[in-house]
């Protein structure tokens, strides 16, 4: 039983590390985009950045909650977090493209 618990804990840790790395990469890009948006004084991009920061915080919170999630719900929770992390990453990439291309 102890081995299964350790295996599950190490699996959750690996999952958490993977998601955190993705989110931190997005956060670093957001910080760069925020500087560009301020220079251009674009309200739409500033609003998008604020929403993405909130989304990042929500992913972080859900990762913390995962540690106390009942074992029967872990797979679903991980799937939802992965989907949210992918959406976050895509939104950051789209924002970067908008800022680079000057589109609104």
N, C-alpha and C. Protein backbone atom coordinates (compact mmCIF):
# COMPACT_ATOMS: atom_id res chain seq x y z
N UNK A 1 0.82 -1.19 0.00
CA UNK A 1 0.00 0.00 0.00
C UNK A 1 0.87 1.25 0.00
N UNK A 2 1.93 1.23 0.73
CA UNK A 2 2.81 2.38 0.79
C UNK A 2 3.42 2.67 -0.57
N UNK A 3 3.74 1.63 -1.34
CA UNK A 3 4.31 1.81 -2.66
C UNK A 3 3.30 2.49 -3.59
N UNK A 4 2.06 2.07 -3.54
CA UNK A 4 1.03 2.69 -4.38
C UNK A 4 0.86 4.16 -4.03
N UNK A 5 0.86 4.49 -2.77
CA UNK A 5 0.74 5.87 -2.34
C UNK A 5 1.93 6.69 -2.81
N UNK A 6 3.12 6.12 -2.66
CA UNK A 6 4.33 6.82 -3.10
C UNK A 6 4.31 7.02 -4.61
N UNK A 7 3.88 5.98 -5.33
CA UNK A 7 3.80 6.06 -6.79
C UNK A 7 2.82 7.13 -7.22
N UNK A 8 1.67 7.18 -6.58
CA UNK A 8 0.66 8.19 -6.89
C UNK A 8 1.18 9.59 -6.56
N UNK A 9 1.83 9.73 -5.42
CA UNK A 9 2.37 11.03 -5.02
C UNK A 9 3.45 11.49 -6.00
N UNK A 10 4.32 10.58 -6.41
CA UNK A 10 5.37 10.98 -7.34
C UNK A 10 4.78 11.29 -8.71
N UNK A 11 3.71 10.58 -9.10
CA UNK A 11 3.03 10.87 -10.36
C UNK A 11 2.38 12.24 -10.34
N UNK A 12 1.76 12.59 -9.21
CA UNK A 12 1.16 13.92 -9.08
C UNK A 12 2.23 15.00 -9.10
N UNK A 13 3.35 14.73 -8.46
CA UNK A 13 4.45 15.70 -8.43
C UNK A 13 4.97 15.95 -9.84
N UNK A 14 5.15 14.88 -10.61
CA UNK A 14 5.63 15.01 -11.99
C UNK A 14 4.62 15.80 -12.83
N UNK A 15 3.34 15.50 -12.64
CA UNK A 15 2.28 16.22 -13.36
C UNK A 15 2.32 17.70 -12.98
N UNK A 16 2.39 17.96 -11.69
CA UNK A 16 2.43 19.34 -11.20
C UNK A 16 3.63 20.08 -11.77
N UNK A 17 4.80 19.44 -11.78
CA UNK A 17 6.00 20.07 -12.32
C UNK A 17 5.85 20.40 -13.81
N UNK A 18 5.24 19.49 -14.56
CA UNK A 18 5.04 19.70 -15.99
C UNK A 18 4.12 20.90 -16.24
N UNK A 19 3.00 20.93 -15.53
CA UNK A 19 2.05 22.03 -15.71
C UNK A 19 2.66 23.35 -15.25
N UNK A 20 3.36 23.33 -14.12
CA UNK A 20 4.00 24.56 -13.63
C UNK A 20 5.01 25.10 -14.63
N UNK A 21 5.77 24.22 -15.26
CA UNK A 21 6.75 24.66 -16.25
C UNK A 21 6.06 25.33 -17.43
N UNK A 22 4.95 24.75 -17.90
CA UNK A 22 4.20 25.34 -19.00
C UNK A 22 3.65 26.71 -18.61
N UNK A 23 3.10 26.79 -17.41
CA UNK A 23 2.50 28.04 -16.95
C UNK A 23 3.57 29.11 -16.72
N UNK A 24 4.69 28.73 -16.17
CA UNK A 24 5.78 29.70 -15.96
C UNK A 24 6.30 30.25 -17.28
N UNK A 25 6.40 29.39 -18.29
CA UNK A 25 6.81 29.86 -19.62
C UNK A 25 5.82 30.88 -20.13
N UNK A 26 4.54 30.59 -19.97
CA UNK A 26 3.51 31.53 -20.38
C UNK A 26 3.56 32.82 -19.59
N UNK A 27 3.85 32.72 -18.30
CA UNK A 27 3.95 33.91 -17.45
C UNK A 27 5.08 34.81 -17.92
N UNK A 28 6.22 34.21 -18.25
CA UNK A 28 7.36 34.99 -18.72
C UNK A 28 7.00 35.73 -20.02
N UNK A 29 6.30 35.05 -20.90
CA UNK A 29 5.89 35.69 -22.15
C UNK A 29 4.89 36.80 -21.88
N UNK A 30 3.96 36.55 -20.95
CA UNK A 30 2.98 37.58 -20.59
C UNK A 30 3.65 38.85 -20.08
N UNK A 31 4.68 38.67 -19.26
CA UNK A 31 5.41 39.83 -18.74
C UNK A 31 6.01 40.65 -19.89
N UNK A 32 6.55 39.95 -20.89
CA UNK A 32 7.11 40.65 -22.05
C UNK A 32 6.01 41.36 -22.83
N UNK A 33 4.90 40.65 -23.03
CA UNK A 33 3.79 41.23 -23.79
C UNK A 33 3.20 42.44 -23.08
N UNK A 34 3.18 42.37 -21.75
CA UNK A 34 2.63 43.48 -20.98
C UNK A 34 3.46 44.74 -21.21
N UNK A 35 4.76 44.59 -21.26
CA UNK A 35 5.63 45.74 -21.55
C UNK A 35 5.33 46.31 -22.93
N UNK A 36 5.18 45.44 -23.92
CA UNK A 36 4.87 45.90 -25.28
C UNK A 36 3.52 46.59 -25.33
N UNK A 37 2.54 46.03 -24.64
CA UNK A 37 1.20 46.62 -24.64
C UNK A 37 1.22 48.00 -24.00
N UNK A 38 2.00 48.15 -22.94
CA UNK A 38 2.11 49.46 -22.29
C UNK A 38 2.74 50.48 -23.23
N UNK A 39 3.77 50.04 -23.96
CA UNK A 39 4.43 50.94 -24.91
C UNK A 39 3.44 51.40 -25.98
N UNK A 40 2.64 50.47 -26.46
CA UNK A 40 1.68 50.79 -27.52
C UNK A 40 0.40 51.42 -26.98
N UNK A 41 0.24 51.33 -25.65
CA UNK A 41 -0.95 51.85 -25.00
C UNK A 41 -2.24 51.25 -25.58
N UNK A 42 -2.24 49.94 -25.70
CA UNK A 42 -3.40 49.25 -26.26
C UNK A 42 -4.23 48.64 -25.14
N UNK A 43 -5.44 49.12 -25.02
CA UNK A 43 -6.33 48.65 -23.97
C UNK A 43 -6.75 47.20 -24.16
N UNK A 44 -6.97 46.79 -25.40
CA UNK A 44 -7.43 45.42 -25.66
C UNK A 44 -6.37 44.41 -25.20
N UNK A 45 -5.13 44.66 -25.53
CA UNK A 45 -4.06 43.75 -25.13
C UNK A 45 -3.85 43.77 -23.62
N UNK A 46 -3.97 44.94 -23.02
CA UNK A 46 -3.84 45.04 -21.57
C UNK A 46 -4.94 44.24 -20.88
N UNK A 47 -6.15 44.31 -21.41
CA UNK A 47 -7.26 43.53 -20.86
C UNK A 47 -7.01 42.03 -21.04
N UNK A 48 -6.53 41.66 -22.22
CA UNK A 48 -6.24 40.24 -22.48
C UNK A 48 -5.16 39.72 -21.54
N UNK A 49 -4.16 40.53 -21.27
CA UNK A 49 -3.09 40.14 -20.35
C UNK A 49 -3.64 39.94 -18.95
N UNK A 50 -4.50 40.85 -18.52
CA UNK A 50 -5.10 40.73 -17.19
C UNK A 50 -5.92 39.44 -17.07
N UNK A 51 -6.67 39.11 -18.11
CA UNK A 51 -7.46 37.87 -18.10
C UNK A 51 -6.54 36.65 -18.07
N UNK A 52 -5.45 36.70 -18.81
CA UNK A 52 -4.52 35.57 -18.83
C UNK A 52 -3.81 35.42 -17.48
N UNK A 53 -3.54 36.52 -16.83
CA UNK A 53 -2.93 36.43 -15.49
C UNK A 53 -3.90 35.76 -14.52
N UNK A 54 -5.17 36.10 -14.63
CA UNK A 54 -6.19 35.47 -13.79
C UNK A 54 -6.28 33.98 -14.10
N UNK A 55 -6.23 33.63 -15.37
CA UNK A 55 -6.28 32.22 -15.77
C UNK A 55 -5.07 31.46 -15.21
N UNK A 56 -3.90 32.08 -15.24
CA UNK A 56 -2.70 31.46 -14.69
C UNK A 56 -2.86 31.23 -13.20
N UNK A 57 -3.39 32.19 -12.49
CA UNK A 57 -3.60 32.05 -11.05
C UNK A 57 -4.59 30.93 -10.76
N UNK A 58 -5.61 30.79 -11.59
CA UNK A 58 -6.60 29.73 -11.41
C UNK A 58 -5.96 28.36 -11.62
N UNK A 59 -5.09 28.24 -12.61
CA UNK A 59 -4.39 26.98 -12.84
C UNK A 59 -3.51 26.65 -11.64
N UNK A 60 -2.80 27.64 -11.13
CA UNK A 60 -1.97 27.43 -9.94
C UNK A 60 -2.81 26.96 -8.75
N UNK A 61 -3.97 27.58 -8.57
CA UNK A 61 -4.85 27.20 -7.46
C UNK A 61 -5.34 25.76 -7.63
N UNK A 62 -5.71 25.41 -8.83
CA UNK A 62 -6.20 24.06 -9.08
C UNK A 62 -5.10 23.02 -8.90
N UNK A 63 -3.87 23.39 -9.22
CA UNK A 63 -2.75 22.47 -8.96
C UNK A 63 -2.60 22.23 -7.46
N UNK A 64 -2.76 23.28 -6.67
CA UNK A 64 -2.68 23.13 -5.23
C UNK A 64 -3.83 22.27 -4.71
N UNK A 65 -5.01 22.49 -5.25
CA UNK A 65 -6.18 21.71 -4.84
C UNK A 65 -6.02 20.24 -5.21
N UNK A 66 -5.28 19.97 -6.26
CA UNK A 66 -5.09 18.59 -6.71
C UNK A 66 -4.47 17.72 -5.63
N UNK A 67 -3.65 18.33 -4.80
CA UNK A 67 -2.97 17.58 -3.73
C UNK A 67 -3.96 17.00 -2.73
N UNK A 68 -5.11 17.63 -2.60
CA UNK A 68 -6.11 17.15 -1.63
C UNK A 68 -7.33 16.52 -2.30
N UNK A 69 -7.25 16.35 -3.61
CA UNK A 69 -8.35 15.74 -4.35
C UNK A 69 -8.43 14.26 -4.06
N UNK A 70 -9.63 13.77 -3.87
CA UNK A 70 -9.84 12.35 -3.62
C UNK A 70 -9.35 11.55 -4.82
N UNK A 71 -8.75 10.40 -4.59
CA UNK A 71 -8.14 9.58 -5.62
C UNK A 71 -9.08 9.27 -6.78
N UNK A 72 -10.36 9.15 -6.50
CA UNK A 72 -11.31 8.83 -7.56
C UNK A 72 -11.54 10.00 -8.52
N UNK A 73 -11.13 11.19 -8.13
CA UNK A 73 -11.35 12.37 -8.95
C UNK A 73 -10.06 12.92 -9.57
N UNK A 74 -8.92 12.32 -9.25
CA UNK A 74 -7.64 12.85 -9.70
C UNK A 74 -7.52 12.84 -11.23
N UNK A 75 -7.89 11.75 -11.87
CA UNK A 75 -7.76 11.66 -13.33
C UNK A 75 -8.56 12.77 -14.02
N UNK A 76 -9.80 12.98 -13.58
CA UNK A 76 -10.62 14.03 -14.18
C UNK A 76 -10.01 15.42 -13.92
N UNK A 77 -9.57 15.63 -12.69
CA UNK A 77 -8.98 16.93 -12.33
C UNK A 77 -7.73 17.20 -13.16
N UNK A 78 -6.89 16.18 -13.32
CA UNK A 78 -5.68 16.35 -14.12
C UNK A 78 -6.03 16.67 -15.57
N UNK A 79 -7.02 15.99 -16.10
CA UNK A 79 -7.44 16.23 -17.48
C UNK A 79 -7.93 17.67 -17.66
N UNK A 80 -8.71 18.15 -16.71
CA UNK A 80 -9.21 19.52 -16.77
C UNK A 80 -8.08 20.54 -16.66
N UNK A 81 -7.13 20.27 -15.78
CA UNK A 81 -5.99 21.18 -15.62
C UNK A 81 -5.15 21.20 -16.89
N UNK A 82 -4.92 20.03 -17.48
CA UNK A 82 -4.16 19.96 -18.73
C UNK A 82 -4.85 20.76 -19.82
N UNK A 83 -6.17 20.63 -19.92
CA UNK A 83 -6.92 21.38 -20.93
C UNK A 83 -6.81 22.88 -20.69
N UNK A 84 -6.94 23.29 -19.43
CA UNK A 84 -6.81 24.72 -19.11
C UNK A 84 -5.41 25.24 -19.40
N UNK A 85 -4.39 24.44 -19.10
CA UNK A 85 -3.01 24.84 -19.37
C UNK A 85 -2.78 24.97 -20.88
N UNK A 86 -3.36 24.08 -21.65
CA UNK A 86 -3.23 24.16 -23.11
C UNK A 86 -3.92 25.41 -23.65
N UNK A 87 -5.12 25.71 -23.14
CA UNK A 87 -5.84 26.92 -23.55
C UNK A 87 -5.02 28.16 -23.20
N UNK A 88 -4.44 28.15 -21.99
CA UNK A 88 -3.62 29.28 -21.53
C UNK A 88 -2.44 29.46 -22.48
N UNK A 89 -1.76 28.38 -22.78
CA UNK A 89 -0.58 28.44 -23.66
C UNK A 89 -0.97 28.97 -25.04
N UNK A 90 -2.07 28.48 -25.60
CA UNK A 90 -2.53 28.94 -26.91
C UNK A 90 -2.92 30.41 -26.88
N UNK A 91 -3.58 30.84 -25.82
CA UNK A 91 -3.98 32.24 -25.70
C UNK A 91 -2.76 33.15 -25.60
N UNK A 92 -1.74 32.71 -24.88
CA UNK A 92 -0.50 33.49 -24.78
C UNK A 92 0.16 33.59 -26.15
N UNK A 93 0.20 32.48 -26.86
CA UNK A 93 0.79 32.47 -28.21
C UNK A 93 0.02 33.40 -29.14
N UNK A 94 -1.32 33.34 -29.09
CA UNK A 94 -2.14 34.22 -29.92
C UNK A 94 -1.91 35.69 -29.59
N UNK A 95 -1.81 35.99 -28.31
CA UNK A 95 -1.56 37.37 -27.90
C UNK A 95 -0.21 37.84 -28.42
N UNK A 96 0.78 36.98 -28.32
CA UNK A 96 2.11 37.33 -28.83
C UNK A 96 2.07 37.62 -30.32
N UNK A 97 1.31 36.84 -31.06
CA UNK A 97 1.19 37.06 -32.50
C UNK A 97 0.49 38.39 -32.79
N UNK A 98 -0.55 38.69 -31.99
CA UNK A 98 -1.25 39.97 -32.17
C UNK A 98 -0.32 41.13 -31.89
N UNK A 99 0.45 41.05 -30.83
CA UNK A 99 1.36 42.14 -30.49
C UNK A 99 2.47 42.28 -31.52
N UNK A 100 2.96 41.17 -32.02
CA UNK A 100 4.04 41.21 -33.01
C UNK A 100 3.53 41.76 -34.35
N UNK A 101 2.28 41.41 -34.68
CA UNK A 101 1.72 41.83 -35.96
C UNK A 101 1.01 43.16 -35.91
N UNK A 102 0.81 43.67 -34.71
CA UNK A 102 0.14 44.96 -34.56
C UNK A 102 -1.36 44.88 -34.75
N UNK A 103 -1.92 43.64 -34.76
CA UNK A 103 -3.37 43.49 -34.91
C UNK A 103 -4.06 43.75 -33.59
N UNK A 104 -5.31 44.12 -33.67
CA UNK A 104 -6.13 44.31 -32.46
C UNK A 104 -7.18 43.27 -32.38
